[in-house]
Amino acid sequence: MAINTEEAKAATVDIWNALDALPGHLFGQRAFEKIALTAYRKAVLEKQRRDEHPVRIAAEQLAQ
């Protein structure tokens, strides 16, 4: 599933916060990929949850 720019920004902030929480640590490629994939999966799950329960807008409510 694709995420939009705002969701990607939120995932990037999550990655930054995860790395910032461990100052002075070294991260290998696999460790960094795991952190990044965790943030990406979180963004995708939030998007899926929003899509499952859409919020009706006024025009949709009037049409019914």
N, C-alpha and C. Protein backbone atom coordinates (compact mmCIF):
# COMPACT_ATOMS: atom_id res chain seq x y z
N MET A 1 0.84 -1.17 0.00
CA MET A 1 0.00 0.00 0.00
C MET A 1 0.89 1.24 0.00
N ALA A 2 0.50 2.22 -0.74
CA ALA A 2 1.26 3.47 -0.81
C ALA A 2 0.78 4.44 0.26
N ILE A 3 1.70 5.26 0.71
CA ILE A 3 1.34 6.31 1.66
C ILE A 3 1.62 7.66 1.01
N ASN A 4 0.86 8.67 1.42
CA ASN A 4 1.05 9.99 0.82
C ASN A 4 2.18 10.74 1.54
N THR A 5 2.41 11.97 1.11
CA THR A 5 3.53 12.76 1.63
C THR A 5 3.41 13.00 3.13
N GLU A 6 2.23 13.35 3.59
CA GLU A 6 2.05 13.62 5.02
C GLU A 6 2.30 12.37 5.86
N GLU A 7 1.84 11.23 5.37
CA GLU A 7 2.06 9.98 6.10
C GLU A 7 3.54 9.61 6.07
N ALA A 8 4.22 9.88 4.96
CA ALA A 8 5.66 9.62 4.88
C ALA A 8 6.43 10.52 5.83
N LYS A 9 6.00 11.78 5.93
CA LYS A 9 6.64 12.70 6.88
C LYS A 9 6.48 12.19 8.31
N ALA A 10 5.29 11.71 8.65
CA ALA A 10 5.05 11.19 9.99
C ALA A 10 5.93 9.96 10.26
N ALA A 11 6.08 9.10 9.26
CA ALA A 11 6.94 7.92 9.41
C ALA A 11 8.40 8.34 9.59
N THR A 12 8.81 9.37 8.86
CA THR A 12 10.18 9.87 8.98
C THR A 12 10.44 10.43 10.37
N VAL A 13 9.46 11.13 10.92
CA VAL A 13 9.60 11.66 12.29
C VAL A 13 9.70 10.50 13.28
N ASP A 14 8.92 9.45 13.06
CA ASP A 14 9.00 8.27 13.94
C ASP A 14 10.39 7.64 13.87
N ILE A 15 10.95 7.56 12.67
CA ILE A 15 12.31 7.02 12.51
C ILE A 15 13.31 7.90 13.25
N TRP A 16 13.19 9.20 13.06
CA TRP A 16 14.09 10.15 13.72
C TRP A 16 14.00 9.99 15.24
N ASN A 17 12.78 9.91 15.77
CA ASN A 17 12.60 9.78 17.21
C ASN A 17 13.20 8.47 17.74
N ALA A 18 13.06 7.39 16.98
CA ALA A 18 13.63 6.11 17.39
C ALA A 18 15.15 6.18 17.44
N LEU A 19 15.76 6.84 16.46
CA LEU A 19 17.21 6.96 16.44
C LEU A 19 17.69 7.95 17.49
N ASP A 20 16.94 9.01 17.70
CA ASP A 20 17.31 10.05 18.67
C ASP A 20 17.22 9.53 20.11
N ALA A 21 16.40 8.51 20.32
CA ALA A 21 16.24 7.94 21.66
C ALA A 21 17.48 7.17 22.12
N LEU A 22 18.36 6.83 21.17
CA LEU A 22 19.56 6.07 21.49
C LEU A 22 20.81 6.83 21.04
N PRO A 23 21.12 7.93 21.70
CA PRO A 23 22.27 8.73 21.24
C PRO A 23 23.59 7.97 21.41
N GLY A 24 24.47 8.13 20.46
CA GLY A 24 25.78 7.51 20.53
C GLY A 24 25.83 6.06 20.08
N HIS A 25 24.69 5.48 19.71
CA HIS A 25 24.67 4.09 19.25
C HIS A 25 25.01 4.02 17.77
N LEU A 26 25.54 2.91 17.36
CA LEU A 26 25.80 2.65 15.94
C LEU A 26 24.71 1.72 15.42
N PHE A 27 24.24 1.99 14.21
CA PHE A 27 23.19 1.18 13.61
C PHE A 27 23.70 0.59 12.31
N GLY A 28 23.56 -0.71 12.17
CA GLY A 28 23.88 -1.37 10.92
C GLY A 28 22.72 -1.21 9.95
N GLN A 29 22.93 -1.68 8.74
CA GLN A 29 21.89 -1.56 7.72
C GLN A 29 20.62 -2.28 8.13
N ARG A 30 20.76 -3.49 8.64
CA ARG A 30 19.56 -4.26 9.00
C ARG A 30 18.80 -3.63 10.15
N ALA A 31 19.52 -3.09 11.12
CA ALA A 31 18.87 -2.42 12.24
C ALA A 31 18.10 -1.19 11.77
N PHE A 32 18.74 -0.41 10.90
CA PHE A 32 18.07 0.78 10.38
C PHE A 32 16.85 0.40 9.54
N GLU A 33 16.99 -0.64 8.71
CA GLU A 33 15.86 -1.09 7.89
C GLU A 33 14.70 -1.55 8.77
N LYS A 34 15.02 -2.21 9.87
CA LYS A 34 13.96 -2.68 10.78
C LYS A 34 13.23 -1.49 11.40
N ILE A 35 13.97 -0.47 11.81
CA ILE A 35 13.35 0.72 12.38
C ILE A 35 12.47 1.41 11.33
N ALA A 36 12.99 1.54 10.10
CA ALA A 36 12.26 2.20 9.03
C ALA A 36 11.01 1.40 8.63
N LEU A 37 11.13 0.10 8.53
CA LEU A 37 9.97 -0.72 8.17
C LEU A 37 8.90 -0.69 9.25
N THR A 38 9.31 -0.63 10.50
CA THR A 38 8.36 -0.54 11.60
C THR A 38 7.55 0.75 11.49
N ALA A 39 8.22 1.86 11.20
CA ALA A 39 7.54 3.14 11.05
C ALA A 39 6.62 3.12 9.82
N TYR A 40 7.08 2.53 8.72
CA TYR A 40 6.27 2.44 7.51
C TYR A 40 5.02 1.59 7.75
N ARG A 41 5.20 0.45 8.39
CA ARG A 41 4.06 -0.43 8.67
C ARG A 41 3.04 0.26 9.57
N LYS A 42 3.53 1.03 10.54
CA LYS A 42 2.64 1.78 11.43
C LYS A 42 1.80 2.77 10.62
N ALA A 43 2.43 3.47 9.68
CA ALA A 43 1.72 4.43 8.84
C ALA A 43 0.69 3.73 7.96
N VAL A 44 1.03 2.58 7.42
CA VAL A 44 0.11 1.82 6.57
C VAL A 44 -1.08 1.32 7.38
N LEU A 45 -0.84 0.82 8.58
CA LEU A 45 -1.94 0.33 9.42
C LEU A 45 -2.87 1.46 9.82
N GLU A 46 -2.33 2.63 10.11
CA GLU A 46 -3.17 3.78 10.43
C GLU A 46 -4.02 4.17 9.23
N LYS A 47 -3.44 4.12 8.03
CA LYS A 47 -4.18 4.45 6.81
C LYS A 47 -5.29 3.43 6.57
N GLN A 48 -4.99 2.15 6.75
CA GLN A 48 -6.00 1.12 6.57
C GLN A 48 -7.13 1.29 7.57
N ARG A 49 -6.80 1.65 8.80
CA ARG A 49 -7.82 1.84 9.83
C ARG A 49 -8.73 3.01 9.45
N ARG A 50 -8.15 4.10 8.93
CA ARG A 50 -8.96 5.24 8.50
C ARG A 50 -9.84 4.86 7.31
N ASP A 51 -9.32 4.07 6.38
CA ASP A 51 -10.09 3.68 5.20
C ASP A 51 -11.23 2.74 5.54
N GLU A 52 -11.08 1.95 6.60
CA GLU A 52 -12.13 1.02 7.00
C GLU A 52 -13.31 1.76 7.62
N HIS A 53 -13.05 2.90 8.23
CA HIS A 53 -14.09 3.67 8.91
C HIS A 53 -14.09 5.10 8.36
N PRO A 54 -14.57 5.26 7.13
CA PRO A 54 -14.55 6.60 6.54
C PRO A 54 -15.51 7.54 7.27
N VAL A 55 -15.16 8.78 7.28
CA VAL A 55 -16.01 9.81 7.90
C VAL A 55 -16.84 10.43 6.79
N ARG A 56 -18.14 10.46 6.97
CA ARG A 56 -19.02 11.03 5.95
C ARG A 56 -18.90 12.55 5.97
N ILE A 57 -18.92 13.11 4.78
CA ILE A 57 -18.91 14.56 4.68
C ILE A 57 -20.33 15.05 4.45
N ALA A 58 -20.57 16.32 4.62
CA ALA A 58 -21.91 16.87 4.56
C ALA A 58 -22.62 16.54 3.24
N ALA A 59 -21.93 16.63 2.11
CA ALA A 59 -22.56 16.35 0.81
C ALA A 59 -23.07 14.91 0.73
N GLU A 60 -22.35 13.97 1.29
CA GLU A 60 -22.78 12.57 1.29
C GLU A 60 -24.00 12.39 2.17
N GLN A 61 -24.05 13.09 3.28
CA GLN A 61 -25.18 12.96 4.20
C GLN A 61 -26.44 13.55 3.59
N LEU A 62 -26.32 14.63 2.84
CA LEU A 62 -27.47 15.26 2.21
C LEU A 62 -28.03 14.40 1.08
N ALA A 63 -27.15 13.65 0.40
CA ALA A 63 -27.57 12.85 -0.74
C ALA A 63 -28.44 11.66 -0.29
N GLN A 64 -28.35 11.28 0.94
CA GLN A 64 -29.10 10.09 1.39
C GLN A 64 -30.46 10.42 1.88
